[in-house]
Every structure is written in structure tokens, then in C-alpha cells.
Protein backbone atom coordinates (compact mmCIF):
# COMPACT_ATOMS: atom_id res chain seq x y z
CA UNK A 1 -72.09 214.23 27.15
CA UNK A 2 -70.13 211.75 29.28
CA UNK A 3 -67.90 210.78 26.34
CA UNK A 4 -66.91 214.46 26.15
CA UNK A 5 -65.99 214.83 29.84
CA UNK A 6 -62.65 213.97 31.39
CA UNK A 7 -62.18 213.95 35.10
CA UNK A 8 -58.58 213.95 36.36
CA UNK A 9 -57.74 212.20 39.68
CA UNK A 10 -56.22 214.05 42.62
CA UNK A 11 -53.04 212.00 42.21
CA UNK A 12 -52.75 212.97 38.54
CA UNK A 13 -53.12 216.65 39.36
CA UNK A 14 -50.73 216.40 42.29
CA UNK A 15 -48.00 215.02 40.01
CA UNK A 16 -48.72 217.70 37.39
CA UNK A 17 -48.54 220.47 40.04
CA UNK A 18 -45.39 219.19 41.68
CA UNK A 19 -43.51 219.17 38.42
CA UNK A 20 -44.67 222.72 37.58
CA UNK A 21 -43.95 223.94 41.16
CA UNK A 22 -40.23 222.91 40.68
CA UNK A 23 -40.12 224.94 37.48
CA UNK A 24 -41.60 228.02 39.13
CA UNK A 25 -39.16 227.79 42.03
CA UNK A 26 -36.25 227.92 39.55
CA UNK A 27 -37.61 230.95 37.69
CA UNK A 28 -39.33 233.13 40.32
CA UNK A 29 -39.09 234.44 43.91
CA UNK A 30 -41.61 235.53 46.52
CA UNK A 31 -45.34 235.05 46.01
CA UNK A 32 -44.92 234.44 42.25
CA UNK A 33 -43.54 231.03 43.12
CA UNK A 34 -47.07 230.13 44.15
CA UNK A 35 -48.76 231.21 40.89
CA UNK A 36 -49.19 227.53 40.38
CA UNK A 37 -52.51 227.48 38.52
CA UNK A 38 -51.66 229.96 35.73
CA UNK A 39 -50.11 227.30 33.56
CA UNK A 40 -52.98 224.94 34.26
CA UNK A 41 -55.46 227.62 33.26
CA UNK A 42 -53.75 228.24 29.91
CA UNK A 43 -52.82 224.63 28.95
CA UNK A 44 -56.14 223.04 30.04
CA UNK A 45 -58.18 225.80 28.40
CA UNK A 46 -56.29 225.18 25.13
CA UNK A 47 -56.80 221.44 25.57
CA UNK A 48 -60.52 221.75 26.17
CA UNK A 49 -60.97 224.12 23.17
CA UNK A 50 -58.99 221.89 20.79
CA UNK A 51 -60.66 218.59 21.77
CA UNK A 52 -64.16 219.84 22.57
CA UNK A 53 -63.97 218.10 25.92
CA UNK A 54 -65.00 219.28 29.34
CA UNK A 55 -62.16 218.90 31.80
CA UNK A 56 -62.64 218.57 35.53
CA UNK A 57 -59.40 219.04 37.55
CA UNK A 58 -59.16 218.79 41.35
CA UNK A 59 -56.12 221.01 42.06
CA UNK A 60 -56.63 221.10 45.87
CA UNK A 61 -58.83 219.26 48.36
CA UNK A 62 -60.91 222.48 48.51
CA UNK A 63 -60.60 223.59 44.88
CA UNK A 64 -61.77 222.03 41.62
CA UNK A 65 -61.38 223.65 38.15
CA UNK A 66 -63.80 222.97 35.31
CA UNK A 67 -62.90 223.81 31.69
CA UNK A 68 -65.84 224.02 29.22
CA UNK A 69 -65.32 224.43 25.44
CA UNK A 70 -67.46 226.74 23.29
CA UNK A 71 -68.56 223.69 21.22
CA UNK A 72 -71.07 223.09 24.06
CA UNK A 73 -73.35 226.05 23.65
CA UNK A 74 -76.92 226.89 23.05
CA UNK A 75 -79.54 224.36 24.21
CA UNK A 76 -76.88 221.99 25.60
CA UNK A 77 -74.91 224.52 27.56
CA UNK A 78 -77.01 224.44 30.74
CA UNK A 79 -77.07 220.65 30.91
CA UNK A 80 -73.38 220.33 30.29
CA UNK A 81 -72.59 222.92 32.91
CA UNK A 82 -74.88 221.05 35.36
CA UNK A 83 -73.14 217.77 34.79
CA UNK A 84 -69.71 219.28 35.04
CA UNK A 85 -70.73 221.03 38.30
CA UNK A 86 -72.02 217.74 39.72
CA UNK A 87 -68.63 216.15 38.97
CA UNK A 88 -66.84 219.07 40.66
CA UNK A 89 -69.08 218.95 43.73
CA UNK A 90 -68.71 215.15 43.97
CA UNK A 91 -64.95 215.67 44.20
CA UNK A 92 -65.25 218.48 46.81
CA UNK A 93 -68.10 216.84 48.76
CA UNK A 94 -68.72 220.19 50.48
CA UNK A 95 -70.89 220.25 53.61
CA UNK A 96 -71.99 223.82 52.77
CA UNK A 97 -72.54 225.85 49.64
CA UNK A 98 -69.25 226.28 47.78
CA UNK A 99 -68.06 229.38 45.95
CA UNK A 100 -68.43 229.09 42.14
CA UNK A 101 -66.32 231.58 40.21
CA UNK A 102 -66.14 232.01 36.43
CA UNK A 103 -62.68 233.36 35.63
CA UNK A 104 -63.69 236.14 33.18
CA UNK A 105 -66.87 237.43 34.69
CA UNK A 106 -65.49 237.52 38.17
CA UNK A 107 -62.96 240.24 37.18
CA UNK A 108 -65.55 242.99 37.49
CA UNK A 109 -68.15 241.31 39.66
CA UNK A 110 -68.33 243.18 43.00
CA UNK A 111 -65.90 243.40 44.67
CA UNK A 112 -63.93 243.84 41.43
CA UNK A 113 -60.53 242.15 41.23
CA UNK A 114 -57.68 244.70 41.42
CA UNK A 115 -53.89 244.83 40.93
CA UNK A 116 -51.65 241.96 40.12
CA UNK A 117 -54.45 239.40 40.62
CA UNK A 118 -56.41 240.69 37.66
CA UNK A 119 -56.42 238.33 34.72
CA UNK A 120 -55.22 240.97 32.26
CA UNK A 121 -52.19 241.71 34.48
CA UNK A 122 -50.54 238.32 34.09
CA UNK A 123 -52.17 236.34 31.30
CA UNK A 124 -50.59 236.41 27.78
CA UNK A 125 -52.51 237.66 24.75
CA UNK A 126 -53.20 234.19 23.31
CA UNK A 127 -54.83 232.98 26.49
CA UNK A 128 -56.80 236.18 26.92
CA UNK A 129 -58.13 235.94 23.40
CA UNK A 130 -59.13 232.34 23.88
CA UNK A 131 -61.19 233.33 27.01
CA UNK A 132 -62.60 236.56 25.50
CA UNK A 133 -63.77 234.66 22.43
CA UNK A 134 -65.36 232.10 24.76
CA UNK A 135 -63.47 229.23 23.14
CA UNK A 136 -63.07 227.99 26.67
CA UNK A 137 -64.74 228.87 29.94
CA UNK A 138 -63.08 228.29 33.26
CA UNK A 139 -65.14 227.85 36.45
CA UNK A 140 -63.53 227.30 39.87
CA UNK A 141 -65.44 225.62 42.71
CA UNK A 142 -64.00 226.39 46.20
CA UNK A 143 -65.14 224.59 49.34
CA UNK A 144 -65.61 227.76 51.42
CA UNK A 145 -67.30 225.88 54.23
CA UNK A 146 -64.24 223.67 54.92
CA UNK A 147 -61.86 226.66 54.76
CA UNK A 148 -64.20 228.65 57.07
CA UNK A 149 -64.59 225.98 59.70
CA UNK A 150 -61.22 224.21 59.57
CA UNK A 151 -58.81 227.07 58.79
CA UNK A 152 -60.31 230.50 59.25
CA UNK A 153 -62.20 229.88 62.50
CA UNK A 154 -59.29 228.14 64.37
CA UNK A 155 -56.80 230.80 63.34
CA UNK A 156 -59.09 233.55 64.58
CA UNK A 157 -60.10 231.89 67.78
CA UNK A 158 -56.46 231.03 68.63
CA UNK A 159 -55.83 234.78 68.67
CA UNK A 160 -58.83 235.62 70.85
CA UNK A 161 -61.32 236.54 68.21
CA UNK A 162 -64.93 235.36 68.28
CA UNK A 163 -66.75 234.85 64.97
CA UNK A 164 -70.15 236.56 64.99
CA UNK A 165 -71.43 235.23 61.67
CA UNK A 166 -72.14 231.75 60.37
CA UNK A 167 -70.52 230.52 57.19
CA UNK A 168 -73.74 231.19 55.24
CA UNK A 169 -73.91 234.78 56.47
CA UNK A 170 -70.24 235.34 55.85
CA UNK A 171 -70.50 233.98 52.30
CA UNK A 172 -73.48 236.25 51.52
CA UNK A 173 -71.74 239.30 52.98
CA UNK A 174 -68.28 238.58 51.57
CA UNK A 175 -66.70 238.86 55.00
CA UNK A 176 -67.07 237.51 58.50
CA UNK A 177 -67.54 239.84 61.44
CA UNK A 178 -65.40 239.15 64.56
CA UNK A 179 -64.72 240.76 67.92
CA UNK A 180 -61.75 240.35 70.28
CA UNK A 181 -62.09 239.23 73.88
CA UNK A 182 -60.13 242.28 74.99
CA UNK A 183 -62.48 244.73 73.27
CA UNK A 184 -65.81 243.06 72.62
CA UNK A 185 -67.55 246.29 71.78
CA UNK A 186 -65.51 246.72 68.59
CA UNK A 187 -66.51 244.74 65.49
CA UNK A 188 -63.92 243.91 62.80
CA UNK A 189 -64.50 242.53 59.33
CA UNK A 190 -62.37 239.72 57.81
CA UNK A 191 -62.75 239.85 53.96
CA UNK A 192 -61.98 236.19 53.34
CA UNK A 193 -64.15 235.91 50.19
CA UNK A 194 -62.14 238.63 48.52
CA UNK A 195 -58.94 236.74 49.25
CA UNK A 196 -60.38 233.55 47.68
CA UNK A 197 -61.45 235.49 44.59
CA UNK A 198 -58.00 237.09 44.24
CA UNK A 199 -56.30 233.66 44.69
CA UNK A 200 -58.40 232.13 41.88
CA UNK A 201 -58.11 235.19 39.58
CA UNK A 202 -54.37 235.51 40.05
CA UNK A 203 -53.77 231.81 39.49
CA UNK A 204 -52.26 231.31 42.96
CA UNK A 205 -52.34 228.28 45.19
CA UNK A 206 -53.51 228.12 48.81
CA UNK A 207 -50.22 229.65 50.12
CA UNK A 208 -51.50 232.98 48.74
CA UNK A 209 -54.74 232.62 50.72
CA UNK A 210 -52.87 231.74 53.95
CA UNK A 211 -50.48 234.64 53.42
CA UNK A 212 -53.45 237.01 53.18
CA UNK A 213 -54.88 235.59 56.32
CA UNK A 214 -51.59 235.83 58.25
CA UNK A 215 -51.02 239.48 57.32
CA UNK A 216 -54.54 240.45 58.15
CA UNK A 217 -54.40 238.65 61.54
CA UNK A 218 -51.42 240.78 62.48
CA UNK A 219 -53.32 243.93 61.59
CA UNK A 220 -56.40 242.72 63.55
CA UNK A 221 -54.37 241.99 66.67
CA UNK A 222 -52.75 245.46 66.56
CA UNK A 223 -56.15 247.12 66.07
CA UNK A 224 -57.61 245.12 68.92
CA UNK A 225 -54.73 246.13 71.28
CA UNK A 226 -55.10 249.80 70.29
CA UNK A 227 -58.81 249.68 71.09
CA UNK A 228 -58.34 248.21 74.64
């Protein structure tokens, strides 16, 4: 299988993304400027289907995309997926269990993707057909542990919130419970897993995830003040 697997380097993907980011900035405004992965989804899915090659693409330090062609099916499918996953995890080197999200099936897995982040709201017909016909399967691996410990926790604690749940508990629940020092009897939920899923489904980069966090933190602070 190794001769049918291509792993891109972080530098290769960085150059690819920087070029595409410049194009998006010329054509769009607002959050759509950060829909950076949509073109990668479509072009790499087409590439994997045409060449019967598994592609592993590290698009962020915490996010690796794997593209698997339909040619690898039946008895070989599980082994190929395992080896591709090993490649992805080797690139992530996560300390904790990562999130693994298959682009099509995640649309209706609970909690279902809604609004502009749904695949059928932004993808063109050719790309949707390719995915629906399973000519290519896209799986995203996200290092949730690093995001939880290095980004989510510091941002919450800086604003006076204490995290009640561990990463493992928060991953299983789909949210992390927090309380504020000014109103410790009130428990709030931060739905960070939903934001990650929406980011991946919508083809957005990490700016989308950070925007979700920033907006939600404002709401949390206001709610905490009202409950004092």
C-alpha cells in the first residue's frame, strides 16, 4: 500500500495554503476569507480519485486531512485506513485521543451540522457527487487535546473560569463544563467539539474556531456577571 500513499510535508501545505489564502482575500470578505480548506477538499479529493492514491495532508499543526480513493475497498479498506491513520497520527503526535471526522457522515452525526457549515451549502455539484459516490473519502484528524490544553483552557482561565471536566470527559460529552469565580454555583457549558466539527465541515481554518471561542467567551462573561 505504501506505493499508493503520498504524505505531504507541512512546508508543502503551508506554501499551498498561503497561495490560496491570497486568492480568497481578493475575492471574499468576512469569515469566507478563512474558508481555506474548501479548495483543498475538492482538488485533493479529485486527485486521490484519479490516481488511486491515498493523500495525507497536514494543513495545521493540529489538523491533518486524509483522502482515500474508492479503489481501496473491500478486504483492503480497513488496512489502508489504518495505515493512513497511523501516518496522520504520526504527524499530529497527539498526547490524547484526537477527533476523527469523516466529512460526509459527520453531517448528520449528532450534533448534526447546521447552516452555512453544512457540506451541501457550499460545495459544488461535482464535488458532492464525487463524495456521495464514494469515489473519495475525506477524514480529518484534529488534535483536540492540544487545543483543549493550550488554547481553550488558558482563554477560559484568563477570564476567571474554572474547567470542571478533563479533556477525555469533555471529548465524550461534546462540551466542557466551567464555572466562574464570581458565581461558582452556576455551571456553564462550552460546546468546543461542535465548533471543531463546524470548522471542518465548512472548510474553514483555525480562525473560524477562534472566532467561535471569542464570541462565546463574551456571552459567558455577561452571563456570569448577571448571575452574581
